[in-house]
Amino acid sequence: MSKIVYVVSGAEDGILGVYGNKKGAYNKALSYVNQSDGLIPIKNIVSYAKVCKELKDVYNYSINVVDDYYHFGNASIRAVLFNEKERK
């Protein structure tokens, strides 16, 4: 049986971790963003509720945590299926 896992990637550092739940992935992404260049204005940070909505039941979908694609030090969360059997 497949399980959805959440891969957190930093814009400058690549994969930061793989999490079994959205909350852990979101917290890691936020800590990466905040340590990269100080505090980001709260209006630019995507809410946890929006992250959950965007990643709900979606295969291989990604969302940035800062609502500015070109922001230095941005982090993304990508939902992927873990242990999916290869299709022939």
Protein backbone atom coordinates (compact mmCIF):
# COMPACT_ATOMS: atom_id res chain seq x y z
CA MET A 1 0.00 0.00 0.00
CA SER A 2 1.27 3.45 -0.90
CA LYS A 3 1.67 6.29 1.57
CA ILE A 4 1.99 9.99 0.85
CA VAL A 5 5.18 11.59 2.19
CA TYR A 6 6.18 15.24 2.07
CA VAL A 7 9.61 16.25 0.78
CA VAL A 8 10.88 19.63 1.94
CA SER A 9 13.44 21.32 -0.30
CA GLY A 10 15.33 24.55 0.25
CA ALA A 11 15.95 26.82 -2.71
CA GLU A 12 19.64 27.01 -1.92
CA ASP A 13 20.28 23.66 -0.19
CA GLY A 14 18.24 20.97 -1.91
CA ILE A 15 16.32 18.34 0.07
CA LEU A 16 16.03 19.24 3.75
CA GLY A 17 13.96 16.27 4.89
CA VAL A 18 11.15 13.82 4.24
CA TYR A 19 8.13 13.84 6.57
CA GLY A 20 5.15 11.58 7.09
CA ASN A 21 2.83 14.50 7.85
CA LYS A 22 2.20 18.01 6.56
CA LYS A 23 2.75 19.71 9.92
CA GLY A 24 6.31 18.45 10.29
CA ALA A 25 7.11 19.39 6.71
CA TYR A 26 5.59 22.85 7.14
CA ASN A 27 7.52 23.51 10.36
CA LYS A 28 10.83 22.48 8.72
CA ALA A 29 10.13 24.71 5.71
CA LEU A 30 9.32 27.68 7.97
CA SER A 31 12.47 27.23 10.02
CA TYR A 32 14.53 27.12 6.81
CA VAL A 33 12.92 30.29 5.46
CA ASN A 34 13.38 32.18 8.73
CA GLN A 35 17.03 31.20 9.15
CA SER A 36 17.97 32.05 5.57
CA ASP A 37 17.65 35.83 5.71
CA GLY A 38 15.86 36.89 8.86
CA LEU A 39 12.16 37.15 9.43
CA ILE A 40 9.88 37.25 6.41
CA PRO A 41 6.86 39.57 6.59
CA ILE A 42 3.92 37.45 7.73
CA LYS A 43 1.87 38.54 4.70
CA ASN A 44 4.29 36.68 2.41
CA ILE A 45 4.22 33.35 4.26
CA VAL A 46 1.67 30.81 3.03
CA SER A 47 -0.59 29.63 5.86
CA TYR A 48 -0.62 26.05 7.11
CA ALA A 49 -4.28 25.79 6.09
CA LYS A 50 -3.44 26.74 2.49
CA VAL A 51 -0.57 24.23 2.40
CA CYS A 52 -2.94 21.48 3.60
CA LYS A 53 -5.54 22.45 1.02
CA GLU A 54 -3.04 22.51 -1.84
CA LEU A 55 -1.43 19.19 -0.90
CA LYS A 56 -4.67 17.30 -0.19
CA ASP A 57 -4.79 13.99 -2.06
CA VAL A 58 -2.43 15.21 -4.75
CA TYR A 59 0.35 13.15 -6.26
CA ASN A 60 3.66 14.88 -6.91
CA TYR A 61 2.41 18.41 -6.27
CA SER A 62 4.54 21.19 -4.84
CA ILE A 63 3.87 24.46 -3.02
CA ASN A 64 6.27 27.22 -1.97
CA VAL A 65 6.09 28.36 1.65
CA VAL A 66 6.82 32.00 0.81
CA ASP A 67 4.35 33.53 -1.63
CA ASP A 68 7.15 35.03 -3.72
CA TYR A 69 8.65 32.59 -6.20
CA TYR A 70 11.95 34.49 -6.48
CA HIS A 71 12.48 34.96 -2.75
CA PHE A 72 16.02 34.05 -1.72
CA GLY A 73 15.88 31.16 0.72
CA ASN A 74 12.40 29.95 -0.20
CA ALA A 75 11.38 26.40 0.67
CA SER A 76 8.92 24.09 -1.03
CA ILE A 77 6.91 21.09 0.08
CA ARG A 78 6.19 18.33 -2.42
CA ALA A 79 3.74 15.46 -1.90
CA VAL A 80 4.91 12.14 -3.36
CA LEU A 81 3.76 8.54 -3.09
CA PHE A 82 6.13 6.35 -1.13
CA ASN A 83 6.42 2.63 -1.97
CA GLU A 84 4.32 2.91 -5.10
CA LYS A 85 4.60 -0.20 -7.24
CA GLU A 86 6.06 0.46 -10.65
CA ARG A 87 3.47 0.41 -13.41
CA LYS A 88 4.22 -1.70 -16.46
